[in-house]
């Protein structure tokens, strides 16, 4: 069988099994190794917490943040209610010291029943 250019088709190149197992397919999106981080610690890191505007929400969020960042100053938290007043957005800027610290803080904030979203 010949291709249009008159030459026989080239035999497919077989890749070693190791390459197929250890290397991602061409064009695949891969995540960086867990040890690497785009952040250099320590760093000022803003965390936005959105939740239902209920009694004690801001107090609860501040308590969670303080558990993970004891040097956080509660007076620096920024608040913004939604247009209809049903939700509130809080921004807490902490002195982040590690990726593990941020991961633990995000997990605990997301576990709070009144929290809708954490960015």
N, C-alpha and C. Protein backbone atom coordinates (compact mmCIF):
# COMPACT_ATOMS: atom_id res chain seq x y z
N UNK A 1 0.84 -1.17 0.00
CA UNK A 1 0.00 0.00 0.00
C UNK A 1 0.89 1.24 0.00
N UNK A 2 0.54 2.22 -0.82
CA UNK A 2 1.34 3.43 -0.93
C UNK A 2 0.50 4.64 -0.55
N UNK A 3 1.17 5.64 0.07
CA UNK A 3 0.49 6.90 0.38
C UNK A 3 0.45 7.74 -0.87
N UNK A 4 -0.19 8.89 -0.80
CA UNK A 4 -0.33 9.75 -1.97
C UNK A 4 1.00 10.21 -2.55
N UNK A 5 2.02 10.36 -1.73
CA UNK A 5 3.30 10.84 -2.23
C UNK A 5 4.10 9.76 -2.94
N UNK A 6 3.57 8.57 -3.04
CA UNK A 6 4.23 7.50 -3.76
C UNK A 6 5.16 6.66 -2.92
N UNK A 7 5.36 7.01 -1.67
CA UNK A 7 6.25 6.24 -0.80
C UNK A 7 5.42 5.30 0.07
N UNK A 8 6.01 4.20 0.46
CA UNK A 8 5.28 3.30 1.36
C UNK A 8 5.13 3.96 2.73
N UNK A 9 4.07 3.65 3.44
CA UNK A 9 3.89 4.25 4.77
C UNK A 9 5.00 3.78 5.71
N UNK A 10 5.38 4.69 6.61
CA UNK A 10 6.42 4.34 7.58
C UNK A 10 5.84 3.44 8.65
N UNK A 11 6.67 2.55 9.12
CA UNK A 11 6.23 1.66 10.19
C UNK A 11 6.04 2.48 11.45
N UNK A 12 5.00 2.20 12.23
CA UNK A 12 4.79 2.95 13.48
C UNK A 12 5.95 2.71 14.44
N UNK A 13 6.32 3.76 15.14
CA UNK A 13 7.40 3.66 16.12
C UNK A 13 6.79 3.18 17.43
N UNK A 14 7.34 2.11 17.93
CA UNK A 14 6.84 1.57 19.20
C UNK A 14 7.66 2.18 20.32
N UNK A 15 6.95 2.75 21.29
CA UNK A 15 7.61 3.34 22.44
C UNK A 15 7.80 2.27 23.50
N UNK A 16 8.88 2.38 24.25
CA UNK A 16 9.06 1.43 25.35
C UNK A 16 7.92 1.56 26.35
N UNK A 17 7.57 0.48 27.00
CA UNK A 17 6.47 0.48 27.96
C UNK A 17 6.73 1.47 29.09
N UNK A 18 7.98 1.62 29.53
CA UNK A 18 8.30 2.56 30.60
C UNK A 18 7.88 3.98 30.25
N UNK A 19 8.17 4.40 29.04
CA UNK A 19 7.83 5.76 28.63
C UNK A 19 6.33 5.96 28.62
N UNK A 20 5.60 4.95 28.22
CA UNK A 20 4.14 5.07 28.17
C UNK A 20 3.55 5.16 29.56
N UNK A 21 4.20 4.54 30.53
CA UNK A 21 3.67 4.53 31.89
C UNK A 21 4.09 5.76 32.67
N UNK A 22 5.32 6.24 32.51
CA UNK A 22 5.82 7.32 33.35
C UNK A 22 5.61 8.71 32.76
N UNK A 23 5.46 8.82 31.47
CA UNK A 23 5.30 10.13 30.85
C UNK A 23 3.84 10.38 30.51
N UNK A 24 3.34 11.59 30.78
CA UNK A 24 1.95 11.89 30.43
C UNK A 24 1.82 12.00 28.91
N UNK A 25 0.62 11.79 28.39
CA UNK A 25 0.42 11.92 26.95
C UNK A 25 0.71 13.35 26.51
N UNK A 26 1.11 13.49 25.26
CA UNK A 26 1.41 14.82 24.72
C UNK A 26 0.19 15.71 24.85
N UNK A 27 0.39 16.93 25.32
CA UNK A 27 -0.70 17.89 25.47
C UNK A 27 -1.50 17.74 26.74
N UNK A 28 -1.17 16.75 27.58
CA UNK A 28 -1.91 16.55 28.83
C UNK A 28 -1.59 17.66 29.81
N UNK A 29 -2.57 18.04 30.59
CA UNK A 29 -2.37 19.04 31.63
C UNK A 29 -1.94 18.30 32.88
N UNK A 30 -0.80 18.67 33.41
CA UNK A 30 -0.31 18.02 34.62
C UNK A 30 -0.16 19.04 35.73
N UNK A 31 -0.24 18.55 36.96
CA UNK A 31 -0.07 19.43 38.11
C UNK A 31 1.37 19.35 38.56
N UNK A 32 1.89 20.45 39.13
CA UNK A 32 3.26 20.41 39.62
C UNK A 32 3.34 19.48 40.83
N UNK A 33 4.52 18.98 41.12
CA UNK A 33 4.68 18.13 42.31
C UNK A 33 4.23 18.89 43.55
N UNK A 34 3.75 18.15 44.53
CA UNK A 34 3.21 18.77 45.74
C UNK A 34 4.24 19.64 46.46
N UNK A 35 5.51 19.30 46.36
CA UNK A 35 6.54 20.05 47.07
C UNK A 35 6.77 21.44 46.47
N UNK A 36 6.46 21.61 45.19
CA UNK A 36 6.71 22.91 44.58
C UNK A 36 5.53 23.84 44.84
N UNK A 37 5.81 25.12 44.92
CA UNK A 37 4.77 26.10 45.16
C UNK A 37 5.14 27.39 44.46
N UNK A 38 4.14 28.06 43.94
CA UNK A 38 4.37 29.35 43.29
C UNK A 38 4.57 30.45 44.33
N UNK A 39 4.25 30.15 45.57
CA UNK A 39 4.38 31.14 46.64
C UNK A 39 5.71 30.98 47.37
N UNK A 40 6.26 32.09 47.78
CA UNK A 40 7.44 32.08 48.63
C UNK A 40 6.98 32.46 50.03
N UNK A 41 7.23 31.61 50.99
CA UNK A 41 6.76 31.83 52.36
C UNK A 41 7.89 32.41 53.20
N UNK A 42 7.56 33.22 54.20
CA UNK A 42 6.24 33.73 54.55
C UNK A 42 5.78 34.81 53.58
N UNK A 43 4.45 34.97 53.49
CA UNK A 43 3.88 35.98 52.59
C UNK A 43 2.52 36.43 53.09
N UNK A 44 2.18 37.67 52.80
CA UNK A 44 0.84 38.17 53.11
C UNK A 44 -0.11 37.51 52.12
N UNK A 45 -1.15 36.85 52.61
CA UNK A 45 -2.04 36.07 51.76
C UNK A 45 -3.50 36.40 52.08
N UNK A 46 -4.22 37.03 51.14
CA UNK A 46 -5.63 37.34 51.39
C UNK A 46 -6.52 36.13 51.13
N UNK A 47 -7.45 35.89 52.03
CA UNK A 47 -8.40 34.80 51.89
C UNK A 47 -9.80 35.42 51.94
N UNK A 48 -10.59 35.13 50.92
CA UNK A 48 -11.96 35.66 50.87
C UNK A 48 -12.91 34.54 51.25
N UNK A 49 -13.76 34.83 52.24
CA UNK A 49 -14.72 33.86 52.75
C UNK A 49 -16.11 34.42 52.53
N UNK A 50 -16.95 33.70 51.81
CA UNK A 50 -18.32 34.15 51.58
C UNK A 50 -19.27 33.20 52.27
N UNK A 51 -20.26 33.78 52.94
CA UNK A 51 -21.20 32.95 53.66
C UNK A 51 -22.51 33.64 53.90
N UNK A 52 -23.43 32.87 54.49
CA UNK A 52 -24.74 33.43 54.83
C UNK A 52 -24.59 34.41 55.98
N UNK A 53 -25.28 35.50 55.86
CA UNK A 53 -25.20 36.54 56.89
C UNK A 53 -26.06 36.10 58.07
N UNK A 54 -25.43 35.42 58.99
CA UNK A 54 -26.10 34.90 60.18
C UNK A 54 -25.35 35.39 61.41
N UNK A 55 -26.05 35.41 62.52
CA UNK A 55 -25.43 35.83 63.77
C UNK A 55 -24.22 34.97 64.09
N UNK A 56 -23.10 35.58 64.38
CA UNK A 56 -21.90 34.86 64.78
C UNK A 56 -21.01 34.41 63.63
N UNK A 57 -21.41 34.65 62.37
CA UNK A 57 -20.61 34.19 61.23
C UNK A 57 -19.22 34.82 61.25
N UNK A 58 -19.17 36.15 61.38
CA UNK A 58 -17.87 36.83 61.37
C UNK A 58 -17.02 36.37 62.55
N UNK A 59 -17.62 36.23 63.71
CA UNK A 59 -16.90 35.78 64.91
C UNK A 59 -16.34 34.37 64.69
N UNK A 60 -17.15 33.47 64.11
CA UNK A 60 -16.69 32.10 63.86
C UNK A 60 -15.53 32.07 62.88
N UNK A 61 -15.62 32.87 61.81
CA UNK A 61 -14.54 32.91 60.82
C UNK A 61 -13.26 33.44 61.45
N UNK A 62 -13.36 34.48 62.25
CA UNK A 62 -12.17 35.03 62.92
C UNK A 62 -11.54 33.97 63.83
N UNK A 63 -12.36 33.22 64.55
CA UNK A 63 -11.83 32.18 65.44
C UNK A 63 -11.09 31.10 64.65
N UNK A 64 -11.64 30.71 63.50
CA UNK A 64 -10.98 29.70 62.66
C UNK A 64 -9.65 30.24 62.14
N UNK A 65 -9.67 31.46 61.64
CA UNK A 65 -8.43 32.06 61.10
C UNK A 65 -7.38 32.15 62.20
N UNK A 66 -7.75 32.56 63.39
CA UNK A 66 -6.79 32.68 64.49
C UNK A 66 -6.19 31.34 64.90
N UNK A 67 -6.95 30.25 64.75
CA UNK A 67 -6.40 28.92 65.07
C UNK A 67 -5.25 28.56 64.14
N UNK A 68 -5.32 29.04 62.91
CA UNK A 68 -4.30 28.68 61.92
C UNK A 68 -3.24 29.77 61.72
N UNK A 69 -3.60 31.00 62.08
CA UNK A 69 -2.67 32.13 61.95
C UNK A 69 -2.79 32.98 63.21
N UNK A 70 -2.12 32.57 64.29
CA UNK A 70 -2.27 33.25 65.58
C UNK A 70 -1.89 34.73 65.55
N UNK A 71 -1.08 35.15 64.57
CA UNK A 71 -0.68 36.55 64.50
C UNK A 71 -1.66 37.41 63.69
N UNK A 72 -2.77 36.80 63.22
CA UNK A 72 -3.78 37.55 62.48
C UNK A 72 -4.41 38.59 63.40
N UNK A 73 -4.61 39.80 62.87
CA UNK A 73 -5.23 40.87 63.65
C UNK A 73 -6.68 41.01 63.20
N UNK A 74 -7.64 40.59 64.03
CA UNK A 74 -9.06 40.60 63.66
C UNK A 74 -9.57 41.97 63.19
N UNK A 75 -8.99 43.04 63.69
CA UNK A 75 -9.44 44.38 63.29
C UNK A 75 -9.15 44.71 61.83
N UNK A 76 -8.33 43.87 61.17
CA UNK A 76 -7.99 44.14 59.77
C UNK A 76 -8.92 43.44 58.78
N UNK A 77 -9.86 42.64 59.29
CA UNK A 77 -10.75 41.91 58.39
C UNK A 77 -11.66 42.90 57.65
N UNK A 78 -11.83 42.66 56.36
CA UNK A 78 -12.68 43.52 55.53
C UNK A 78 -14.02 42.81 55.33
N UNK A 79 -15.11 43.55 55.45
CA UNK A 79 -16.44 42.95 55.28
C UNK A 79 -17.20 43.69 54.19
N UNK A 80 -18.03 42.92 53.49
CA UNK A 80 -18.87 43.52 52.45
C UNK A 80 -20.14 42.69 52.32
N UNK A 81 -21.29 43.30 52.58
CA UNK A 81 -22.55 42.55 52.44
C UNK A 81 -22.96 42.45 50.96
N UNK A 82 -23.76 41.43 50.65
CA UNK A 82 -24.30 41.32 49.29
C UNK A 82 -25.37 42.39 49.10
N UNK A 83 -25.78 42.60 47.85
CA UNK A 83 -26.79 43.64 47.57
C UNK A 83 -28.08 43.41 48.34
N UNK A 84 -28.53 42.17 48.37
CA UNK A 84 -29.79 41.87 49.06
C UNK A 84 -29.58 41.68 50.56
N UNK A 85 -28.34 41.62 51.01
CA UNK A 85 -28.06 41.49 52.44
C UNK A 85 -28.14 40.07 52.97
N UNK A 86 -28.33 39.09 52.09
CA UNK A 86 -28.45 37.70 52.54
C UNK A 86 -27.08 37.07 52.82
N UNK A 87 -26.05 37.56 52.12
CA UNK A 87 -24.71 37.01 52.26
C UNK A 87 -23.72 38.09 52.68
N UNK A 88 -22.57 37.66 53.16
CA UNK A 88 -21.51 38.58 53.53
C UNK A 88 -20.18 38.01 53.04
N UNK A 89 -19.31 38.90 52.61
CA UNK A 89 -17.98 38.51 52.15
C UNK A 89 -16.97 39.08 53.15
N UNK A 90 -16.08 38.22 53.61
CA UNK A 90 -15.03 38.63 54.53
C UNK A 90 -13.68 38.38 53.87
N UNK A 91 -12.78 39.33 53.99
CA UNK A 91 -11.42 39.13 53.49
C UNK A 91 -10.46 39.25 54.66
N UNK A 92 -9.74 38.15 54.90
CA UNK A 92 -8.76 38.12 55.98
C UNK A 92 -7.39 37.94 55.34
N UNK A 93 -6.50 38.88 55.57
CA UNK A 93 -5.13 38.77 55.05
C UNK A 93 -4.25 38.26 56.18
N UNK A 94 -3.69 37.07 55.95
CA UNK A 94 -2.86 36.45 56.99
C UNK A 94 -1.41 36.44 56.56
N UNK A 95 -0.53 36.21 57.51
CA UNK A 95 0.88 36.00 57.23
C UNK A 95 1.04 34.48 57.06
N UNK A 96 0.97 34.02 55.81
CA UNK A 96 1.05 32.59 55.53
C UNK A 96 2.49 32.12 55.64
N UNK A 97 2.67 31.02 56.37
CA UNK A 97 4.01 30.50 56.59
C UNK A 97 4.30 29.21 55.83
N UNK A 98 3.25 28.54 55.33
CA UNK A 98 3.47 27.30 54.57
C UNK A 98 2.21 26.93 53.79
N UNK A 99 2.40 26.07 52.82
CA UNK A 99 1.27 25.56 52.03
C UNK A 99 0.37 24.71 52.92
N UNK A 100 0.98 23.97 53.83
CA UNK A 100 0.21 23.13 54.74
C UNK A 100 -0.72 23.97 55.62
N UNK A 101 -0.22 25.12 56.09
CA UNK A 101 -1.03 26.02 56.89
C UNK A 101 -2.25 26.49 56.09
N UNK A 102 -2.02 26.91 54.85
CA UNK A 102 -3.12 27.39 54.01
C UNK A 102 -4.13 26.28 53.72
N UNK A 103 -3.64 25.08 53.43
CA UNK A 103 -4.53 23.95 53.15
C UNK A 103 -5.42 23.64 54.36
N UNK A 104 -4.83 23.62 55.54
CA UNK A 104 -5.59 23.32 56.76
C UNK A 104 -6.63 24.41 57.03
N UNK A 105 -6.25 25.67 56.82
CA UNK A 105 -7.18 26.78 57.03
C UNK A 105 -8.34 26.69 56.04
N UNK A 106 -8.05 26.45 54.78
CA UNK A 106 -9.11 26.32 53.77
C UNK A 106 -10.06 25.17 54.11
N UNK A 107 -9.50 24.03 54.54
CA UNK A 107 -10.35 22.89 54.89
C UNK A 107 -11.30 23.23 56.03
N UNK A 108 -10.77 23.86 57.08
CA UNK A 108 -11.64 24.16 58.22
C UNK A 108 -12.69 25.21 57.86
N UNK A 109 -12.31 26.21 57.08
CA UNK A 109 -13.30 27.21 56.67
C UNK A 109 -14.40 26.58 55.82
N UNK A 110 -14.02 25.71 54.90
CA UNK A 110 -15.01 25.05 54.02
C UNK A 110 -15.94 24.12 54.80
N UNK A 111 -15.48 23.61 55.94
CA UNK A 111 -16.30 22.72 56.75
C UNK A 111 -17.34 23.46 57.58
N UNK A 112 -17.21 24.79 57.70
CA UNK A 112 -18.16 25.56 58.49
C UNK A 112 -19.52 25.55 57.77
N UNK A 113 -20.62 25.28 58.48
CA UNK A 113 -21.92 25.16 57.83
C UNK A 113 -22.43 26.44 57.15
N UNK A 114 -22.01 27.60 57.59
CA UNK A 114 -22.49 28.85 56.99
C UNK A 114 -21.63 29.35 55.85
N UNK A 115 -20.46 28.74 55.66
CA UNK A 115 -19.57 29.17 54.58
C UNK A 115 -20.06 28.61 53.25
N UNK A 116 -20.20 29.50 52.27
CA UNK A 116 -20.63 29.11 50.94
C UNK A 116 -19.45 28.89 50.02
N UNK A 117 -18.41 29.75 50.15
CA UNK A 117 -17.27 29.67 49.26
C UNK A 117 -16.04 30.28 49.93
N UNK A 118 -14.87 29.72 49.62
CA UNK A 118 -13.60 30.25 50.11
C UNK A 118 -12.68 30.40 48.91
N UNK A 119 -12.15 31.60 48.74
CA UNK A 119 -11.22 31.86 47.63
C UNK A 119 -9.89 32.30 48.18
